[in-house]
Amino acid sequence: MDITSLYTADRHNAGAEMQVLDEFGSKTDFFITYAGQDSKIWTDNARRNQHEAVRRMITKDEGGDVDEENLSMILDATLGWRGVDLDFSKEAALVLYQKAPYIIDQAVLFINNRVNFIVS
């Protein structure tokens, strides 16, 4: 067996396209490219969030917003898009996620399914 066939990080770093569903669950012509859970972007964010959670537990600091942390992770993992009349930017993606939060739910499911990043 070729051990490199087990490697996933490069494919997760390169990203994969998710077809966006509208609020009723119907397919749209809008596609967003995300880095996967084995990507450096995702693992660095997850590690930072874990360290912050531990710090809050130790200091008994109840601050921190899980929803904001999740939004930040999704935003960082968003690499681009196609199929809409707006050029991609992190600022535009932030507005999209704030105005259409159901897309965040789709993104989380997509990013956490490794198969999306290893099947061509």
N, C-alpha and C. Protein backbone atom coordinates (compact mmCIF):
# COMPACT_ATOMS: atom_id res chain seq x y z
N MET A 1 0.84 -1.18 0.00
CA MET A 1 0.00 0.00 0.00
C MET A 1 0.89 1.24 0.00
N ASP A 2 0.48 2.21 -0.76
CA ASP A 2 1.17 3.50 -0.80
C ASP A 2 0.62 4.36 0.33
N ILE A 3 1.46 4.65 1.31
CA ILE A 3 1.00 5.39 2.50
C ILE A 3 0.46 6.77 2.14
N THR A 4 0.93 7.36 1.06
CA THR A 4 0.46 8.70 0.69
C THR A 4 -1.02 8.69 0.28
N SER A 5 -1.56 7.51 -0.01
CA SER A 5 -2.98 7.44 -0.34
C SER A 5 -3.86 7.76 0.87
N LEU A 6 -3.27 7.74 2.06
CA LEU A 6 -4.01 8.06 3.28
C LEU A 6 -3.96 9.55 3.63
N TYR A 7 -3.12 10.30 2.96
CA TYR A 7 -2.94 11.72 3.28
C TYR A 7 -4.17 12.52 2.85
N THR A 8 -4.64 13.38 3.73
CA THR A 8 -5.82 14.20 3.43
C THR A 8 -5.56 15.70 3.52
N ALA A 9 -4.55 16.10 4.23
CA ALA A 9 -4.35 17.53 4.53
C ALA A 9 -4.26 18.39 3.27
N ASP A 10 -3.51 17.96 2.27
CA ASP A 10 -3.36 18.78 1.06
C ASP A 10 -4.70 18.99 0.36
N ARG A 11 -5.51 17.95 0.31
CA ARG A 11 -6.82 18.09 -0.35
C ARG A 11 -7.75 18.98 0.47
N HIS A 12 -7.66 18.91 1.77
CA HIS A 12 -8.48 19.77 2.62
C HIS A 12 -8.01 21.22 2.53
N ASN A 13 -6.70 21.43 2.41
CA ASN A 13 -6.17 22.78 2.23
C ASN A 13 -6.61 23.39 0.91
N ALA A 14 -6.68 22.57 -0.13
CA ALA A 14 -7.07 23.05 -1.46
C ALA A 14 -8.55 23.44 -1.49
N GLY A 15 -9.35 22.78 -0.67
CA GLY A 15 -10.77 23.11 -0.59
C GLY A 15 -11.63 22.30 -1.52
N ALA A 16 -12.92 22.38 -1.28
CA ALA A 16 -13.94 21.70 -2.09
C ALA A 16 -15.16 22.60 -2.17
N GLU A 17 -15.89 22.44 -3.26
CA GLU A 17 -17.09 23.25 -3.48
C GLU A 17 -18.33 22.61 -2.88
N MET A 18 -19.10 23.44 -2.21
CA MET A 18 -20.39 23.03 -1.68
C MET A 18 -21.48 23.76 -2.47
N GLN A 19 -22.45 23.01 -2.95
CA GLN A 19 -23.60 23.64 -3.60
C GLN A 19 -24.54 24.14 -2.51
N VAL A 20 -24.82 25.42 -2.52
CA VAL A 20 -25.67 26.04 -1.51
C VAL A 20 -27.13 25.69 -1.76
N LEU A 21 -27.81 25.34 -0.69
CA LEU A 21 -29.25 25.11 -0.73
C LEU A 21 -29.94 26.38 -0.21
N ASP A 22 -31.09 26.70 -0.79
CA ASP A 22 -31.83 27.86 -0.29
C ASP A 22 -32.48 27.50 1.04
N GLU A 23 -33.21 28.45 1.61
CA GLU A 23 -33.80 28.25 2.93
C GLU A 23 -34.86 27.14 2.97
N PHE A 24 -35.30 26.69 1.78
CA PHE A 24 -36.27 25.60 1.70
C PHE A 24 -35.61 24.26 1.38
N GLY A 25 -34.28 24.27 1.23
CA GLY A 25 -33.55 23.04 0.94
C GLY A 25 -33.41 22.73 -0.54
N SER A 26 -33.77 23.67 -1.40
CA SER A 26 -33.63 23.46 -2.85
C SER A 26 -32.25 23.89 -3.31
N LYS A 27 -31.71 23.15 -4.27
CA LYS A 27 -30.39 23.48 -4.83
C LYS A 27 -30.43 24.83 -5.54
N THR A 28 -29.32 25.56 -5.41
CA THR A 28 -29.17 26.82 -6.11
C THR A 28 -27.99 26.69 -7.08
N ASP A 29 -27.73 27.74 -7.85
CA ASP A 29 -26.57 27.78 -8.74
C ASP A 29 -25.37 28.42 -8.05
N PHE A 30 -25.42 28.55 -6.75
CA PHE A 30 -24.40 29.19 -5.94
C PHE A 30 -23.53 28.11 -5.30
N PHE A 31 -22.21 28.24 -5.47
CA PHE A 31 -21.26 27.29 -4.92
C PHE A 31 -20.23 28.04 -4.09
N ILE A 32 -19.95 27.53 -2.89
CA ILE A 32 -18.94 28.11 -2.01
C ILE A 32 -17.83 27.09 -1.82
N THR A 33 -16.59 27.53 -1.91
CA THR A 33 -15.43 26.66 -1.70
C THR A 33 -14.95 26.82 -0.26
N TYR A 34 -14.83 25.68 0.42
CA TYR A 34 -14.37 25.66 1.81
C TYR A 34 -13.12 24.80 1.96
N ALA A 35 -12.26 25.21 2.89
CA ALA A 35 -11.18 24.35 3.35
C ALA A 35 -11.80 23.33 4.31
N GLY A 36 -11.27 22.13 4.33
CA GLY A 36 -11.84 21.07 5.14
C GLY A 36 -11.30 21.00 6.55
N GLN A 37 -11.85 20.08 7.33
CA GLN A 37 -11.47 19.97 8.73
C GLN A 37 -10.03 19.49 8.94
N ASP A 38 -9.41 18.91 7.94
CA ASP A 38 -8.01 18.51 8.05
C ASP A 38 -7.06 19.59 7.53
N SER A 39 -7.61 20.75 7.15
CA SER A 39 -6.78 21.84 6.64
C SER A 39 -6.09 22.56 7.79
N LYS A 40 -5.01 23.24 7.46
CA LYS A 40 -4.29 24.04 8.46
C LYS A 40 -5.20 25.14 9.01
N ILE A 41 -5.97 25.77 8.14
CA ILE A 41 -6.88 26.84 8.59
C ILE A 41 -7.82 26.32 9.67
N TRP A 42 -8.46 25.19 9.41
CA TRP A 42 -9.46 24.67 10.34
C TRP A 42 -8.82 24.18 11.63
N THR A 43 -7.73 23.43 11.52
CA THR A 43 -7.10 22.88 12.73
C THR A 43 -6.49 23.99 13.59
N ASP A 44 -5.92 25.02 12.98
CA ASP A 44 -5.38 26.15 13.76
C ASP A 44 -6.51 26.85 14.53
N ASN A 45 -7.64 27.08 13.87
CA ASN A 45 -8.78 27.72 14.53
C ASN A 45 -9.34 26.84 15.64
N ALA A 46 -9.45 25.55 15.40
CA ALA A 46 -9.98 24.64 16.42
C ALA A 46 -9.06 24.63 17.64
N ARG A 47 -7.77 24.60 17.39
CA ARG A 47 -6.80 24.60 18.50
C ARG A 47 -6.91 25.90 19.30
N ARG A 48 -7.00 27.03 18.61
CA ARG A 48 -7.11 28.32 19.28
C ARG A 48 -8.40 28.37 20.12
N ASN A 49 -9.51 27.88 19.57
CA ASN A 49 -10.77 27.88 20.31
C ASN A 49 -10.69 26.98 21.54
N GLN A 50 -10.00 25.84 21.42
CA GLN A 50 -9.84 24.95 22.56
C GLN A 50 -9.02 25.61 23.66
N HIS A 51 -7.93 26.26 23.26
CA HIS A 51 -7.09 26.95 24.25
C HIS A 51 -7.88 28.05 24.95
N GLU A 52 -8.68 28.78 24.18
CA GLU A 52 -9.50 29.85 24.75
C GLU A 52 -10.54 29.28 25.72
N ALA A 53 -11.14 28.16 25.38
CA ALA A 53 -12.13 27.53 26.26
C ALA A 53 -11.48 27.08 27.57
N VAL A 54 -10.29 26.51 27.48
CA VAL A 54 -9.57 26.08 28.68
C VAL A 54 -9.21 27.29 29.53
N ARG A 55 -8.74 28.35 28.89
CA ARG A 55 -8.40 29.57 29.62
C ARG A 55 -9.62 30.11 30.36
N ARG A 56 -10.77 30.11 29.68
CA ARG A 56 -11.99 30.61 30.33
C ARG A 56 -12.39 29.73 31.52
N MET A 57 -12.20 28.41 31.39
CA MET A 57 -12.52 27.51 32.51
C MET A 57 -11.61 27.78 33.69
N ILE A 58 -10.32 27.91 33.42
CA ILE A 58 -9.34 28.12 34.50
C ILE A 58 -9.58 29.45 35.20
N THR A 59 -9.86 30.48 34.44
CA THR A 59 -10.05 31.81 35.02
C THR A 59 -11.50 32.07 35.43
N LYS A 60 -12.35 31.08 35.19
CA LYS A 60 -13.79 31.21 35.47
C LYS A 60 -14.40 32.41 34.74
N ASP A 61 -13.85 32.68 33.57
CA ASP A 61 -14.34 33.75 32.70
C ASP A 61 -15.45 33.17 31.84
N GLU A 62 -16.65 33.68 32.00
CA GLU A 62 -17.77 33.17 31.23
C GLU A 62 -17.93 33.89 29.91
N GLY A 63 -16.98 34.74 29.60
CA GLY A 63 -17.03 35.47 28.33
C GLY A 63 -16.81 34.54 27.16
N GLY A 64 -16.83 35.08 25.99
CA GLY A 64 -16.64 34.27 24.80
C GLY A 64 -17.98 33.87 24.23
N ASP A 65 -18.08 33.92 22.95
CA ASP A 65 -19.33 33.65 22.27
C ASP A 65 -19.10 32.50 21.29
N VAL A 66 -19.69 31.36 21.59
CA VAL A 66 -19.51 30.18 20.75
C VAL A 66 -19.98 30.45 19.32
N ASP A 67 -21.10 31.15 19.18
CA ASP A 67 -21.60 31.45 17.84
C ASP A 67 -20.60 32.30 17.06
N GLU A 68 -19.98 33.27 17.72
CA GLU A 68 -18.97 34.11 17.07
C GLU A 68 -17.74 33.28 16.69
N GLU A 69 -17.35 32.35 17.57
CA GLU A 69 -16.21 31.48 17.27
C GLU A 69 -16.51 30.60 16.07
N ASN A 70 -17.73 30.06 16.01
CA ASN A 70 -18.12 29.22 14.87
C ASN A 70 -18.15 30.04 13.59
N LEU A 71 -18.70 31.24 13.65
CA LEU A 71 -18.74 32.12 12.49
C LEU A 71 -17.33 32.43 12.02
N SER A 72 -16.45 32.72 12.94
CA SER A 72 -15.06 33.02 12.59
C SER A 72 -14.39 31.84 11.90
N MET A 73 -14.64 30.64 12.41
CA MET A 73 -14.04 29.44 11.80
C MET A 73 -14.56 29.23 10.37
N ILE A 74 -15.87 29.39 10.19
CA ILE A 74 -16.46 29.21 8.86
C ILE A 74 -15.94 30.29 7.92
N LEU A 75 -15.87 31.51 8.39
CA LEU A 75 -15.38 32.61 7.56
C LEU A 75 -13.94 32.37 7.14
N ASP A 76 -13.10 31.95 8.07
CA ASP A 76 -11.70 31.66 7.74
C ASP A 76 -11.58 30.52 6.73
N ALA A 77 -12.48 29.54 6.83
CA ALA A 77 -12.44 28.37 5.93
C ALA A 77 -13.06 28.65 4.57
N THR A 78 -13.72 29.79 4.42
CA THR A 78 -14.34 30.15 3.14
C THR A 78 -13.26 30.66 2.20
N LEU A 79 -13.06 29.94 1.10
CA LEU A 79 -11.97 30.26 0.16
C LEU A 79 -12.44 31.00 -1.08
N GLY A 80 -13.71 30.92 -1.41
CA GLY A 80 -14.21 31.60 -2.60
C GLY A 80 -15.61 31.15 -2.92
N TRP A 81 -16.16 31.71 -4.00
CA TRP A 81 -17.48 31.30 -4.45
C TRP A 81 -17.66 31.60 -5.91
N ARG A 82 -18.71 31.00 -6.47
CA ARG A 82 -19.09 31.26 -7.86
C ARG A 82 -20.60 31.08 -7.97
N GLY A 83 -21.14 31.70 -9.03
CA GLY A 83 -22.56 31.52 -9.30
C GLY A 83 -23.43 32.65 -8.79
N VAL A 84 -22.82 33.70 -8.26
CA VAL A 84 -23.58 34.87 -7.81
C VAL A 84 -22.98 36.12 -8.43
N ASP A 85 -23.75 37.21 -8.36
CA ASP A 85 -23.34 38.45 -9.02
C ASP A 85 -22.48 39.35 -8.13
N LEU A 86 -21.83 38.78 -7.12
CA LEU A 86 -21.00 39.54 -6.20
C LEU A 86 -19.63 38.87 -6.12
N ASP A 87 -18.58 39.65 -6.34
CA ASP A 87 -17.23 39.10 -6.20
C ASP A 87 -17.00 38.65 -4.77
N PHE A 88 -16.23 37.57 -4.63
CA PHE A 88 -15.94 37.04 -3.31
C PHE A 88 -14.99 37.96 -2.56
N SER A 89 -15.29 38.16 -1.30
CA SER A 89 -14.38 38.79 -0.34
C SER A 89 -14.80 38.28 1.04
N LYS A 90 -13.92 38.34 1.99
CA LYS A 90 -14.27 37.93 3.36
C LYS A 90 -15.38 38.83 3.91
N GLU A 91 -15.34 40.10 3.54
CA GLU A 91 -16.38 41.03 4.02
C GLU A 91 -17.75 40.63 3.45
N ALA A 92 -17.79 40.29 2.16
CA ALA A 92 -19.05 39.87 1.54
C ALA A 92 -19.53 38.55 2.15
N ALA A 93 -18.60 37.65 2.43
CA ALA A 93 -18.97 36.37 3.05
C ALA A 93 -19.54 36.59 4.44
N LEU A 94 -18.96 37.51 5.20
CA LEU A 94 -19.47 37.80 6.53
C LEU A 94 -20.92 38.29 6.46
N VAL A 95 -21.19 39.19 5.53
CA VAL A 95 -22.56 39.69 5.35
C VAL A 95 -23.49 38.54 4.98
N LEU A 96 -23.04 37.68 4.06
CA LEU A 96 -23.86 36.53 3.67
C LEU A 96 -24.22 35.68 4.88
N TYR A 97 -23.23 35.34 5.70
CA TYR A 97 -23.48 34.48 6.85
C TYR A 97 -24.36 35.17 7.90
N GLN A 98 -24.23 36.47 8.02
CA GLN A 98 -25.08 37.20 8.97
C GLN A 98 -26.52 37.29 8.49
N LYS A 99 -26.71 37.44 7.17
CA LYS A 99 -28.05 37.61 6.61
C LYS A 99 -28.71 36.28 6.26
N ALA A 100 -27.92 35.22 6.08
CA ALA A 100 -28.45 33.89 5.74
C ALA A 100 -27.75 32.85 6.62
N PRO A 101 -28.02 32.87 7.92
CA PRO A 101 -27.30 31.99 8.85
C PRO A 101 -27.49 30.50 8.60
N TYR A 102 -28.54 30.13 7.89
CA TYR A 102 -28.74 28.71 7.58
C TYR A 102 -27.61 28.17 6.70
N ILE A 103 -26.91 29.04 6.00
CA ILE A 103 -25.76 28.60 5.18
C ILE A 103 -24.62 28.15 6.09
N ILE A 104 -24.49 28.75 7.25
CA ILE A 104 -23.47 28.31 8.21
C ILE A 104 -23.71 26.86 8.60
N ASP A 105 -24.97 26.50 8.83
CA ASP A 105 -25.29 25.11 9.18
C ASP A 105 -24.87 24.16 8.07
N GLN A 106 -25.14 24.55 6.82
CA GLN A 106 -24.73 23.73 5.68
C GLN A 106 -23.22 23.60 5.63
N ALA A 107 -22.53 24.72 5.86
CA ALA A 107 -21.06 24.73 5.79
C ALA A 107 -20.45 23.81 6.84
N VAL A 108 -20.97 23.86 8.06
CA VAL A 108 -20.44 23.02 9.14
C VAL A 108 -20.58 21.54 8.77
N LEU A 109 -21.73 21.15 8.29
CA LEU A 109 -21.94 19.76 7.88
C LEU A 109 -21.00 19.37 6.75
N PHE A 110 -20.84 20.26 5.77
CA PHE A 110 -19.99 20.00 4.62
C PHE A 110 -18.53 19.86 5.04
N ILE A 111 -18.05 20.81 5.82
CA ILE A 111 -16.64 20.82 6.23
C ILE A 111 -16.31 19.60 7.06
N ASN A 112 -17.24 19.17 7.90
CA ASN A 112 -16.96 18.04 8.79
C ASN A 112 -17.16 16.68 8.15
N ASN A 113 -17.51 16.64 6.87
CA ASN A 113 -17.63 15.38 6.15
C ASN A 113 -16.38 15.24 5.27
N ARG A 114 -15.41 14.48 5.73
CA ARG A 114 -14.13 14.35 5.01
C ARG A 114 -14.29 13.86 3.58
N VAL A 115 -15.33 13.09 3.32
CA VAL A 115 -15.54 12.55 1.98
C VAL A 115 -15.66 13.69 0.96
N ASN A 116 -16.22 14.82 1.35
CA ASN A 116 -16.35 15.95 0.42
C ASN A 116 -15.02 16.43 -0.11
N PHE A 117 -13.94 16.15 0.59
CA PHE A 117 -12.63 16.68 0.21
C PHE A 117 -11.71 15.63 -0.40
N ILE A 118 -12.13 14.37 -0.36
CA ILE A 118 -11.25 13.34 -0.90
C ILE A 118 -11.77 12.67 -2.14
N VAL A 119 -13.03 12.89 -2.46
CA VAL A 119 -13.62 12.32 -3.67
C VAL A 119 -13.56 13.36 -4.75
N SER A 120 -13.01 13.00 -5.89
CA SER A 120 -12.87 13.96 -6.98
C SER A 120 -14.16 14.09 -7.77
